[in-house]
Each structure stands twice: as structure tokens, then as C-alpha cells.
Amino acid sequence: MIEKVRNIDDGSMFGPLAEFVAKAPISREAFMQLTIPTLHSTELGFCIHDWTMMPCQRHADCINCTEQICIKGNTEKTARIEQNLLDAEEQLERAKQAIEKGSSGADR
């Protein structure tokens, strides 16, 4: 199917499928020369973890991972990162208030 779509060059293709076909898949030779052989989109950017070597050690903790790539200028993912920061600051403030009140286990 991808080969059929690639052969349509009259400009009538548009949307996500047309964008996908323009970029992927690539030949084996080209794949072997890639610096980053794997990549998947995350909530905050892109993960370059090589899943063929081992499972992800930081699953769902992308913000603290060295294999997380953020693309400068991506407003959607930047907004998510900013929201995560606001959420973390709010949780920290609630924890501080709970500690001041002497709530059991709040210091954790």
C-alpha cells in the first residue's frame, strides 16, 4: 500500500498518511547507518531508548530520562511540560502545608 501511495506524485495526497509515506519506511542499508535506530513519541517529546537491548528502566518517568529528546519550538509538548511543572509545584506546596500541620507521613 505504501508503495502505491509513493507512486502517486500528482500532489493529491495530503494529511497524516501522506506525511508518513514521505518519511518512512527506509531501506535496510539506510537503517543500519542511523545514529538513532529507534524512536517513539512520548507525552513530552521523543524517546530514543533501544528496546532491543533492555526494557525501559524509567518507564513513565520521561522527564528525568537522558534518552528523552525535546524538540525546541514544539508548542504542544512545551505546554505539557509547563503543565507538569505547575502540577509538581502545587504538589510540593501541598506537601509543605501538610508537614506544617503535622500530618502523618507528609514528609515522604
PDB file of N, CA and C in Angstrom:
ATOM      1  N   MET A   1       0.822  -1.186   0.000  1.00  0.00           N
ATOM      2  CA  MET A   1       0.000   0.000   0.000  1.00  0.00           C
ATOM      3  C   MET A   1       0.869   1.253   0.000  1.00  0.00           C
ATOM      4  N   ILE A   2       1.930   1.208   0.824  1.00  0.00           N
ATOM      5  CA  ILE A   2       2.819   2.369   0.879  1.00  0.00           C
ATOM      6  C   ILE A   2       3.473   2.603  -0.475  1.00  0.00           C
ATOM      7  N   GLU A   3       3.859   1.514  -1.141  1.00  0.00           N
ATOM      8  CA  GLU A   3       4.471   1.645  -2.459  1.00  0.00           C
ATOM      9  C   GLU A   3       3.506   2.302  -3.443  1.00  0.00           C
ATOM     10  N   LYS A   4       2.228   1.936  -3.394  1.00  0.00           N
ATOM     11  CA  LYS A   4       1.221   2.550  -4.266  1.00  0.00           C
ATOM     12  C   LYS A   4       1.108   4.046  -4.006  1.00  0.00           C
ATOM     13  N   VAL A   5       1.067   4.410  -2.727  1.00  0.00           N
ATOM     14  CA  VAL A   5       0.934   5.823  -2.378  1.00  0.00           C
ATOM     15  C   VAL A   5       2.181   6.592  -2.790  1.00  0.00           C
ATOM     16  N   ARG A   6       3.353   5.974  -2.621  1.00  0.00           N
ATOM     17  CA  ARG A   6       4.590   6.653  -3.028  1.00  0.00           C
ATOM     18  C   ARG A   6       4.601   6.964  -4.518  1.00  0.00           C
ATOM     19  N   ASN A   7       3.965   6.110  -5.299  1.00  0.00           N
ATOM     20  CA  ASN A   7       3.957   6.308  -6.748  1.00  0.00           C
ATOM     21  C   ASN A   7       2.990   7.397  -7.192  1.00  0.00           C
ATOM     22  N   ILE A   8       2.136   7.865  -6.311  1.00  0.00           N
ATOM     23  CA  ILE A   8       1.226   8.961  -6.636  1.00  0.00           C
ATOM     24  C   ILE A   8       1.983  10.260  -6.396  1.00  0.00           C
ATOM     25  N   ASP A   9       2.340  10.931  -7.454  1.00  0.00           N
ATOM     26  CA  ASP A   9       3.107  12.168  -7.299  1.00  0.00           C
ATOM     27  C   ASP A   9       2.404  13.369  -7.911  1.00  0.00           C
ATOM     28  N   ASP A  10       1.089  13.304  -7.979  1.00  0.00           N
ATOM     29  CA  ASP A  10       0.344  14.414  -8.576  1.00  0.00           C
ATOM     30  C   ASP A  10      -0.069  15.468  -7.551  1.00  0.00           C
ATOM     31  N   GLY A  11       0.385  15.323  -6.296  1.00  0.00           N
ATOM     32  CA  GLY A  11       0.070  16.296  -5.258  1.00  0.00           C
ATOM     33  C   GLY A  11      -1.303  16.124  -4.637  1.00  0.00           C
ATOM     34  N   SER A  12      -2.012  15.031  -4.975  1.00  0.00           N
ATOM     35  CA  SER A  12      -3.369  14.840  -4.450  1.00  0.00           C
ATOM     36  C   SER A  12      -3.375  14.238  -3.048  1.00  0.00           C
ATOM     37  N   MET A  13      -2.244  13.711  -2.603  1.00  0.00           N
ATOM     38  CA  MET A  13      -2.174  13.140  -1.259  1.00  0.00           C
ATOM     39  C   MET A  13      -1.932  14.236  -0.239  1.00  0.00           C
ATOM     40  N   PHE A  14      -2.644  14.159   0.891  1.00  0.00           N
ATOM     41  CA  PHE A  14      -2.441  15.108   1.985  1.00  0.00           C
ATOM     42  C   PHE A  14      -2.820  14.435   3.295  1.00  0.00           C
ATOM     43  N   GLY A  15      -2.483  15.067   4.411  1.00  0.00           N
ATOM     44  CA  GLY A  15      -2.834  14.529   5.722  1.00  0.00           C
ATOM     45  C   GLY A  15      -1.759  13.635   6.297  1.00  0.00           C
ATOM     46  N   PRO A  16      -2.071  12.995   7.432  1.00  0.00           N
ATOM     47  CA  PRO A  16      -1.082  12.186   8.153  1.00  0.00           C
ATOM     48  C   PRO A  16      -0.497  11.037   7.343  1.00  0.00           C
ATOM     49  N   LEU A  17      -1.311  10.352   6.545  1.00  0.00           N
ATOM     50  CA  LEU A  17      -0.790   9.239   5.750  1.00  0.00           C
ATOM     51  C   LEU A  17       0.229   9.736   4.730  1.00  0.00           C
ATOM     52  N   ALA A  18      -0.062  10.832   4.076  1.00  0.00           N
ATOM     53  CA  ALA A  18       0.875  11.379   3.088  1.00  0.00           C
ATOM     54  C   ALA A  18       2.186  11.782   3.758  1.00  0.00           C
ATOM     55  N   GLU A  19       2.108  12.366   4.951  1.00  0.00           N
ATOM     56  CA  GLU A  19       3.312  12.756   5.675  1.00  0.00           C
ATOM     57  C   GLU A  19       4.110  11.522   6.098  1.00  0.00           C
ATOM     58  N   PHE A  20       3.422  10.473   6.535  1.00  0.00           N
ATOM     59  CA  PHE A  20       4.089   9.238   6.936  1.00  0.00           C
ATOM     60  C   PHE A  20       4.810   8.603   5.754  1.00  0.00           C
ATOM     61  N   VAL A  21       4.135   8.514   4.651  1.00  0.00           N
ATOM     62  CA  VAL A  21       4.701   7.873   3.469  1.00  0.00           C
ATOM     63  C   VAL A  21       5.922   8.621   2.967  1.00  0.00           C
ATOM     64  N   ALA A  22       5.896   9.929   3.111  1.00  0.00           N
ATOM     65  CA  ALA A  22       7.030  10.721   2.651  1.00  0.00           C
ATOM     66  C   ALA A  22       8.292  10.440   3.471  1.00  0.00           C
ATOM     67  N   LYS A  23       8.139   9.974   4.705  1.00  0.00           N
ATOM     68  CA  LYS A  23       9.280   9.789   5.609  1.00  0.00           C
ATOM     69  C   LYS A  23       9.693   8.337   5.831  1.00  0.00           C
ATOM     70  N   ALA A  24       8.800   7.389   5.729  1.00  0.00           N
ATOM     71  CA  ALA A  24       9.105   6.024   6.159  1.00  0.00           C
ATOM     72  C   ALA A  24       8.430   5.025   5.253  1.00  0.00           C
ATOM     73  N   PRO A  25       8.718   3.782   5.313  1.00  0.00           N
ATOM     74  CA  PRO A  25       9.910   3.195   5.910  1.00  0.00           C
ATOM     75  C   PRO A  25      11.118   3.380   5.008  1.00  0.00           C
ATOM     76  N   ILE A  26      12.302   3.044   5.532  1.00  0.00           N
ATOM     77  CA  ILE A  26      13.538   3.234   4.778  1.00  0.00           C
ATOM     78  C   ILE A  26      14.157   1.874   4.480  1.00  0.00           C
ATOM     79  N   SER A  27      15.175   1.880   3.646  1.00  0.00           N
ATOM     80  CA  SER A  27      15.834   0.620   3.284  1.00  0.00           C
ATOM     81  C   SER A  27      16.663   0.098   4.462  1.00  0.00           C
ATOM     82  N   ARG A  28      16.998  -1.195   4.420  1.00  0.00           N
ATOM     83  CA  ARG A  28      17.823  -1.789   5.474  1.00  0.00           C
ATOM     84  C   ARG A  28      19.186  -1.094   5.573  1.00  0.00           C
ATOM     85  N   GLU A  29      19.772  -0.792   4.439  1.00  0.00           N
ATOM     86  CA  GLU A  29      21.088  -0.142   4.420  1.00  0.00           C
ATOM     87  C   GLU A  29      21.027   1.220   5.109  1.00  0.00           C
ATOM     88  N   ALA A  30      19.994   1.978   4.807  1.00  0.00           N
ATOM     89  CA  ALA A  30      19.838   3.295   5.424  1.00  0.00           C
ATOM     90  C   ALA A  30      19.574   3.152   6.924  1.00  0.00           C
ATOM     91  N   PHE A  31      18.791   2.148   7.311  1.00  0.00           N
ATOM     92  CA  PHE A  31      18.503   1.915   8.731  1.00  0.00           C
ATOM     93  C   PHE A  31      19.774   1.598   9.505  1.00  0.00           C
ATOM     94  N   MET A  32      20.651   0.769   8.931  1.00  0.00           N
ATOM     95  CA  MET A  32      21.879   0.363   9.609  1.00  0.00           C
ATOM     96  C   MET A  32      22.833   1.538   9.810  1.00  0.00           C
ATOM     97  N   GLN A  33      22.683   2.594   9.019  1.00  0.00           N
ATOM     98  CA  GLN A  33      23.570   3.750   9.136  1.00  0.00           C
ATOM     99  C   GLN A  33      23.037   4.810  10.091  1.00  0.00           C
ATOM    100  N   LEU A  34      21.852   4.612  10.610  1.00  0.00           N
ATOM    101  CA  LEU A  34      21.263   5.601  11.510  1.00  0.00           C
ATOM    102  C   LEU A  34      22.013   5.669  12.838  1.00  0.00           C
ATOM    103  N   THR A  35      22.175   6.873  13.354  1.00  0.00           N
ATOM    104  CA  THR A  35      22.772   7.050  14.671  1.00  0.00           C
ATOM    105  C   THR A  35      21.770   6.645  15.739  1.00  0.00           C
ATOM    106  N   ILE A  36      20.501   7.000  15.529  1.00  0.00           N
ATOM    107  CA  ILE A  36      19.427   6.659  16.456  1.00  0.00           C
ATOM    108  C   ILE A  36      18.480   5.716  15.712  1.00  0.00           C
ATOM    109  N   PRO A  37      18.609   4.394  15.944  1.00  0.00           N
ATOM    110  CA  PRO A  37      17.810   3.441  15.175  1.00  0.00           C
ATOM    111  C   PRO A  37      16.338   3.363  15.584  1.00  0.00           C
ATOM    112  N   THR A  38      16.011   3.747  16.819  1.00  0.00           N
ATOM    113  CA  THR A  38      14.621   3.655  17.260  1.00  0.00           C
ATOM    114  C   THR A  38      14.174   4.990  17.827  1.00  0.00           C
ATOM    115  N   LEU A  39      12.874   5.238  17.727  1.00  0.00           N
ATOM    116  CA  LEU A  39      12.325   6.493  18.219  1.00  0.00           C
ATOM    117  C   LEU A  39      10.823   6.336  18.336  1.00  0.00           C
ATOM    118  N   HIS A  40      10.266   6.791  19.440  1.00  0.00           N
ATOM    119  CA  HIS A  40       8.810   6.850  19.524  1.00  0.00           C
ATOM    120  C   HIS A  40       8.414   8.127  20.257  1.00  0.00           C
ATOM    121  N   SER A  41       7.244   8.589  19.937  1.00  0.00           N
ATOM    122  CA  SER A  41       6.740   9.826  20.504  1.00  0.00           C
ATOM    123  C   SER A  41       6.245   9.588  21.929  1.00  0.00           C
ATOM    124  N   THR A  42       6.552  10.525  22.811  1.00  0.00           N
ATOM    125  CA  THR A  42       6.066  10.470  24.187  1.00  0.00           C
ATOM    126  C   THR A  42       5.226  11.715  24.449  1.00  0.00           C
ATOM    127  N   GLU A  43       4.695  11.802  25.633  1.00  0.00           N
ATOM    128  CA  GLU A  43       3.885  12.956  26.010  1.00  0.00           C
ATOM    129  C   GLU A  43       4.700  14.253  25.968  1.00  0.00           C
ATOM    130  N   LEU A  44       6.005  14.154  26.214  1.00  0.00           N
ATOM    131  CA  LEU A  44       6.842  15.338  26.340  1.00  0.00           C
ATOM    132  C   LEU A  44       7.828  15.547  25.202  1.00  0.00           C
ATOM    133  N   GLY A  45       8.022  14.551  24.365  1.00  0.00           N
ATOM    134  CA  GLY A  45       8.998  14.665  23.282  1.00  0.00           C
ATOM    135  C   GLY A  45       9.136  13.347  22.554  1.00  0.00           C
ATOM    136  N   PHE A  46      10.388  12.881  22.437  1.00  0.00           N
ATOM    137  CA  PHE A  46      10.662  11.638  21.748  1.00  0.00           C
ATOM    138  C   PHE A  46      11.638  10.800  22.557  1.00  0.00           C
ATOM    139  N   CYS A  47      11.392   9.503  22.607  1.00  0.00           N
ATOM    140  CA  CYS A  47      12.244   8.564  23.335  1.00  0.00           C
ATOM    141  C   CYS A  47      13.136   7.837  22.335  1.00  0.00           C
ATOM    142  N   ILE A  48      14.445   7.812  22.622  1.00  0.00           N
ATOM    143  CA  ILE A  48      15.381   7.120  21.732  1.00  0.00           C
ATOM    144  C   ILE A  48      15.930   5.845  22.378  1.00  0.00           C
ATOM    145  N   HIS A  49      15.245   5.350  23.414  1.00  0.00           N
ATOM    146  CA  HIS A  49      15.682   4.118  24.085  1.00  0.00           C
ATOM    147  C   HIS A  49      15.659   2.941  23.108  1.00  0.00           C
ATOM    148  N   ASP A  50      16.719   2.150  23.126  1.00  0.00           N
ATOM    149  CA  ASP A  50      16.809   0.975  22.267  1.00  0.00           C
ATOM    150  C   ASP A  50      16.174  -0.214  22.993  1.00  0.00           C
ATOM    151  N   TRP A  51      14.935  -0.504  22.651  1.00  0.00           N
ATOM    152  CA  TRP A  51      14.169  -1.552  23.321  1.00  0.00           C
ATOM    153  C   TRP A  51      14.699  -2.953  23.007  1.00  0.00           C
ATOM    154  N   THR A  52      15.543  -3.101  22.000  1.00  0.00           N
ATOM    155  CA  THR A  52      16.102  -4.419  21.705  1.00  0.00           C
ATOM    156  C   THR A  52      17.166  -4.804  22.725  1.00  0.00           C
ATOM    157  N   MET A  53      17.718  -3.825  23.439  1.00  0.00           N
ATOM    158  CA  MET A  53      18.767  -4.093  24.427  1.00  0.00           C
ATOM    159  C   MET A  53      18.180  -4.479  25.783  1.00  0.00           C
ATOM    160  N   MET A  54      17.169  -3.734  26.244  1.00  0.00           N
ATOM    161  CA  MET A  54      16.543  -3.998  27.543  1.00  0.00           C
ATOM    162  C   MET A  54      15.278  -3.161  27.665  1.00  0.00           C
ATOM    163  N   PRO A  55      14.391  -3.548  28.591  1.00  0.00           N
ATOM    164  CA  PRO A  55      13.201  -2.727  28.818  1.00  0.00           C
ATOM    165  C   PRO A  55      13.603  -1.354  29.370  1.00  0.00           C
ATOM    166  N   CYS A  56      12.717  -0.424  29.258  1.00  0.00           N
ATOM    167  CA  CYS A  56      12.977   0.925  29.760  1.00  0.00           C
ATOM    168  C   CYS A  56      13.050   0.906  31.285  1.00  0.00           C
ATOM    169  N   GLN A  57      14.126   1.445  31.831  1.00  0.00           N
ATOM    170  CA  GLN A  57      14.323   1.489  33.277  1.00  0.00           C
ATOM    171  C   GLN A  57      13.562   2.648  33.922  1.00  0.00           C
ATOM    172  N   ARG A  58      13.118   3.599  33.139  1.00  0.00           N
ATOM    173  CA  ARG A  58      12.416   4.779  33.658  1.00  0.00           C
ATOM    174  C   ARG A  58      11.015   4.899  33.070  1.00  0.00           C
ATOM    175  N   HIS A  59      10.373   3.787  32.825  1.00  0.00           N
ATOM    176  CA  HIS A  59       9.054   3.800  32.207  1.00  0.00           C
ATOM    177  C   HIS A  59       8.135   4.812  32.886  1.00  0.00           C
ATOM    178  N   ALA A  60       7.545   5.705  32.095  1.00  0.00           N
ATOM    179  CA  ALA A  60       6.609   6.748  32.539  1.00  0.00           C
ATOM    180  C   ALA A  60       7.273   7.835  33.375  1.00  0.00           C
ATOM    181  N   ASP A  61       8.605   7.894  33.392  1.00  0.00           N
ATOM    182  CA  ASP A  61       9.324   8.966  34.077  1.00  0.00           C
ATOM    183  C   ASP A  61      10.214   9.675  33.062  1.00  0.00           C
ATOM    184  N   CYS A  62       9.621  10.007  31.933  1.00  0.00           N
ATOM    185  CA  CYS A  62      10.368  10.552  30.795  1.00  0.00           C
ATOM    186  C   CYS A  62      11.093  11.854  31.115  1.00  0.00           C
ATOM    187  N   ILE A  63      10.510  12.684  31.961  1.00  0.00           N
ATOM    188  CA  ILE A  63      11.096  13.984  32.244  1.00  0.00           C
ATOM    189  C   ILE A  63      12.468  13.862  32.902  1.00  0.00           C
ATOM    190  N   ASN A  64      12.730  12.752  33.591  1.00  0.00           N
ATOM    191  CA  ASN A  64      14.011  12.527  34.268  1.00  0.00           C
ATOM    192  C   ASN A  64      14.933  11.585  33.505  1.00  0.00           C
ATOM    193  N   CYS A  65      14.635  11.306  32.268  1.00  0.00           N
ATOM    194  CA  CYS A  65      15.389  10.332  31.484  1.00  0.00           C
ATOM    195  C   CYS A  65      16.355  11.022  30.525  1.00  0.00           C
ATOM    196  N   THR A  66      17.552  10.458  30.403  1.00  0.00           N
ATOM    197  CA  THR A  66      18.550  11.018  29.487  1.00  0.00           C
ATOM    198  C   THR A  66      18.292  10.606  28.037  1.00  0.00           C
ATOM    199  N   GLU A  67      17.369   9.676  27.823  1.00  0.00           N
ATOM    200  CA  GLU A  67      17.040   9.250  26.460  1.00  0.00           C
ATOM    201  C   GLU A  67      15.792   9.954  25.932  1.00  0.00           C
ATOM    202  N   GLN A  68      15.345  10.963  26.641  1.00  0.00           N
ATOM    203  CA  GLN A  68      14.191  11.771  26.238  1.00  0.00           C
ATOM    204  C   GLN A  68      14.703  12.968  25.445  1.00  0.00           C
ATOM    205  N   ILE A  69      14.182  13.151  24.249  1.00  0.00           N
ATOM    206  CA  ILE A  69      14.581  14.263  23.387  1.00  0.00           C
ATOM    207  C   ILE A  69      13.406  15.225  23.259  1.00  0.00           C
ATOM    208  N   CYS A  70      13.664  16.484  23.531  1.00  0.00           N
ATOM    209  CA  CYS A  70      12.635  17.516  23.368  1.00  0.00           C
ATOM    210  C   CYS A  70      13.017  18.382  22.176  1.00  0.00           C
ATOM    211  N   ILE A  71      12.061  18.650  21.319  1.00  0.00           N
ATOM    212  CA  ILE A  71      12.300  19.460  20.136  1.00  0.00           C
ATOM    213  C   ILE A  71      11.928  20.902  20.444  1.00  0.00           C
ATOM    214  N   LYS A  72      12.884  21.781  20.299  1.00  0.00           N
ATOM    215  CA  LYS A  72      12.664  23.193  20.565  1.00  0.00           C
ATOM    216  C   LYS A  72      11.606  23.749  19.614  1.00  0.00           C
ATOM    217  N   GLY A  73      10.665  24.497  20.159  1.00  0.00           N
ATOM    218  CA  GLY A  73       9.643  25.129  19.329  1.00  0.00           C
ATOM    219  C   GLY A  73       8.350  24.343  19.194  1.00  0.00           C
ATOM    220  N   ASN A  74       8.291  23.126  19.742  1.00  0.00           N
ATOM    221  CA  ASN A  74       7.065  22.335  19.680  1.00  0.00           C
ATOM    222  C   ASN A  74       6.130  22.837  20.782  1.00  0.00           C
ATOM    223  N   THR A  75       5.174  23.675  20.413  1.00  0.00           N
ATOM    224  CA  THR A  75       4.325  24.346  21.402  1.00  0.00           C
ATOM    225  C   THR A  75       3.438  23.382  22.176  1.00  0.00           C
ATOM    226  N   GLU A  76       2.963  22.331  21.535  1.00  0.00           N
ATOM    227  CA  GLU A  76       2.084  21.363  22.204  1.00  0.00           C
ATOM    228  C   GLU A  76       2.818  20.647  23.336  1.00  0.00           C
ATOM    229  N   LYS A  77       4.009  20.150  23.048  1.00  0.00           N
ATOM    230  CA  LYS A  77       4.765  19.418  24.067  1.00  0.00           C
ATOM    231  C   LYS A  77       5.331  20.378  25.117  1.00  0.00           C
ATOM    232  N   THR A  78       5.671  21.603  24.720  1.00  0.00           N
ATOM    233  CA  THR A  78       6.125  22.605  25.684  1.00  0.00           C
ATOM    234  C   THR A  78       5.020  22.914  26.682  1.00  0.00           C
ATOM    235  N   ALA A  79       3.787  23.021  26.217  1.00  0.00           N
ATOM    236  CA  ALA A  79       2.648  23.285  27.103  1.00  0.00           C
ATOM    237  C   ALA A  79       2.477  22.144  28.107  1.00  0.00           C
ATOM    238  N   ARG A  80       2.688  20.903  27.670  1.00  0.00           N
ATOM    239  CA  ARG A  80       2.577  19.763  28.581  1.00  0.00           C
ATOM    240  C   ARG A  80       3.666  19.806  29.650  1.00  0.00           C
ATOM    241  N   ILE A  81       4.884  20.166  29.247  1.00  0.00           N
ATOM    242  CA  ILE A  81       5.987  20.264  30.204  1.00  0.00           C
ATOM    243  C   ILE A  81       5.692  21.365  31.221  1.00  0.00           C
ATOM    244  N   GLU A  82       5.193  22.506  30.747  1.00  0.00           N
ATOM    245  CA  GLU A  82       4.854  23.604  31.648  1.00  0.00           C
ATOM    246  C   GLU A  82       3.743  23.195  32.609  1.00  0.00           C
ATOM    247  N   GLN A  83       2.753  22.448  32.128  1.00  0.00           N
ATOM    248  CA  GLN A  83       1.676  21.974  32.991  1.00  0.00           C
ATOM    249  C   GLN A  83       2.210  20.999  34.032  1.00  0.00           C
ATOM    250  N   ASN A  84       3.141  20.118  33.625  1.00  0.00           N
ATOM    251  CA  ASN A  84       3.760  19.193  34.583  1.00  0.00           C
ATOM    252  C   ASN A  84       4.497  19.960  35.676  1.00  0.00           C
ATOM    253  N   LEU A  85       5.176  21.048  35.294  1.00  0.00           N
ATOM    254  CA  LEU A  85       5.876  21.866  36.276  1.00  0.00           C
ATOM    255  C   LEU A  85       4.890  22.496  37.255  1.00  0.00           C
ATOM    256  N   LEU A  86       3.800  23.053  36.750  1.00  0.00           N
ATOM    257  CA  LEU A  86       2.781  23.649  37.626  1.00  0.00           C
ATOM    258  C   LEU A  86       2.196  22.607  38.581  1.00  0.00           C
ATOM    259  N   ASP A  87       1.924  21.406  38.061  1.00  0.00           N
ATOM    260  CA  ASP A  87       1.390  20.325  38.903  1.00  0.00           C
ATOM    261  C   ASP A  87       2.382  19.951  40.004  1.00  0.00           C
ATOM    262  N   ALA A  88       3.660  19.836  39.652  1.00  0.00           N
ATOM    263  CA  ALA A  88       4.689  19.462  40.631  1.00  0.00           C
ATOM    264  C   ALA A  88       4.829  20.545  41.703  1.00  0.00           C
ATOM    265  N   GLU A  89       4.784  21.813  41.285  1.00  0.00           N
ATOM    266  CA  GLU A  89       4.885  22.907  42.253  1.00  0.00           C
ATOM    267  C   GLU A  89       3.688  22.911  43.201  1.00  0.00           C
ATOM    268  N   GLU A  90       2.504  22.629  42.675  1.00  0.00           N
ATOM    269  CA  GLU A  90       1.301  22.568  43.502  1.00  0.00           C
ATOM    270  C   GLU A  90       1.385  21.405  44.502  1.00  0.00           C
ATOM    271  N   GLN A  91       1.852  20.256  44.042  1.00  0.00           N
ATOM    272  CA  GLN A  91       2.001  19.097  44.930  1.00  0.00           C
ATOM    273  C   GLN A  91       3.034  19.372  46.024  1.00  0.00           C
ATOM    274  N   LEU A  92       4.125  20.050  45.663  1.00  0.00           N
ATOM    275  CA  LEU A  92       5.149  20.392  46.641  1.00  0.00           C
ATOM    276  C   LEU A  92       4.583  21.340  47.707  1.00  0.00           C
ATOM    277  N   GLU A  93       3.817  22.315  47.263  1.00  0.00           N
ATOM    278  CA  GLU A  93       3.210  23.263  48.206  1.00  0.00           C
ATOM    279  C   GLU A  93       2.240  22.555  49.157  1.00  0.00           C
ATOM    280  N   ARG A  94       1.435  21.638  48.620  1.00  0.00           N
ATOM    281  CA  ARG A  94       0.515  20.870  49.466  1.00  0.00           C
ATOM    282  C   ARG A  94       1.270  20.011  50.477  1.00  0.00           C
ATOM    283  N   ALA A  95       2.383  19.432  50.045  1.00  0.00           N
ATOM    284  CA  ALA A  95       3.194  18.605  50.948  1.00  0.00           C
ATOM    285  C   ALA A  95       3.783  19.465  52.061  1.00  0.00           C
ATOM    286  N   LYS A  96       4.273  20.657  51.739  1.00  0.00           N
ATOM    287  CA  LYS A  96       4.824  21.558  52.744  1.00  0.00           C
ATOM    288  C   LYS A  96       3.758  21.946  53.769  1.00  0.00           C
ATOM    289  N   GLN A  97       2.553  22.231  53.284  1.00  0.00           N
ATOM    290  CA  GLN A  97       1.455  22.584  54.185  1.00  0.00           C
ATOM    291  C   GLN A  97       1.093  21.407  55.095  1.00  0.00           C
ATOM    292  N   ALA A  98       1.098  20.200  54.535  1.00  0.00           N
ATOM    293  CA  ALA A  98       0.786  19.012  55.326  1.00  0.00           C
ATOM    294  C   ALA A  98       1.846  18.772  56.388  1.00  0.00           C
ATOM    295  N   ILE A  99       3.101  19.030  56.081  1.00  0.00           N
ATOM    296  CA  ILE A  99       4.183  18.870  57.049  1.00  0.00           C
ATOM    297  C   ILE A  99       3.997  19.868  58.189  1.00  0.00           C
ATOM    298  N   GLU A 100       3.666  21.118  57.824  1.00  0.00           N
ATOM    299  CA  GLU A 100       3.459  22.157  58.844  1.00  0.00           C
ATOM    300  C   GLU A 100       2.313  21.788  59.782  1.00  0.00           C
ATOM    301  N   LYS A 101       1.283  21.135  59.264  1.00  0.00           N
ATOM    302  CA  LYS A 101       0.135  20.728  60.073  1.00  0.00           C
ATOM    303  C   LYS A 101       0.437  19.475  60.901  1.00  0.00           C
ATOM    304  N   GLY A 102       1.545  18.816  60.576  1.00  0.00           N
ATOM    305  CA  GLY A 102       1.924  17.600  61.306  1.00  0.00           C
ATOM    306  C   GLY A 102       1.189  16.360  60.845  1.00  0.00           C
ATOM    307  N   SER A 103       0.738  16.365  59.597  1.00  0.00           N
ATOM    308  CA  SER A 103       0.034  15.199  59.051  1.00  0.00           C
ATOM    309  C   SER A 103       0.948  13.992  58.995  1.00  0.00           C
ATOM    310  N   SER A 104       0.424  12.845  59.369  1.00  0.00           N
ATOM    311  CA  SER A 104       1.208  11.627  59.388  1.00  0.00           C
ATOM    312  C   SER A 104       1.652  11.234  57.970  1.00  0.00           C
ATOM    313  N   GLY A 105       2.960  10.998  57.786  1.00  0.00           N
ATOM    314  CA  GLY A 105       3.503  10.562  56.509  1.00  0.00           C
ATOM    315  C   GLY A 105       3.699  11.675  55.495  1.00  0.00           C
ATOM    316  N   ALA A 106       3.428  12.922  55.856  1.00  0.00           N
ATOM    317  CA  ALA A 106       3.532  14.035  54.903  1.00  0.00           C
ATOM    318  C   ALA A 106       4.964  14.303  54.474  1.00  0.00           C
ATOM    319  N   ASP A 107       5.921  13.976  55.320  1.00  0.00           N
ATOM    320  CA  ASP A 107       7.311  14.234  54.970  1.00  0.00           C
ATOM    321  C   ASP A 107       7.859  13.309  53.891  1.00  0.00           C
ATOM    322  N   ARG A 108       7.080  12.311  53.556  1.00  0.00           N
ATOM    323  CA  ARG A 108       7.501  11.407  52.478  1.00  0.00           C
ATOM    324  C   ARG A 108       7.198  12.033  51.151  1.00  0.00           C
TER     325      ARG A 108
END
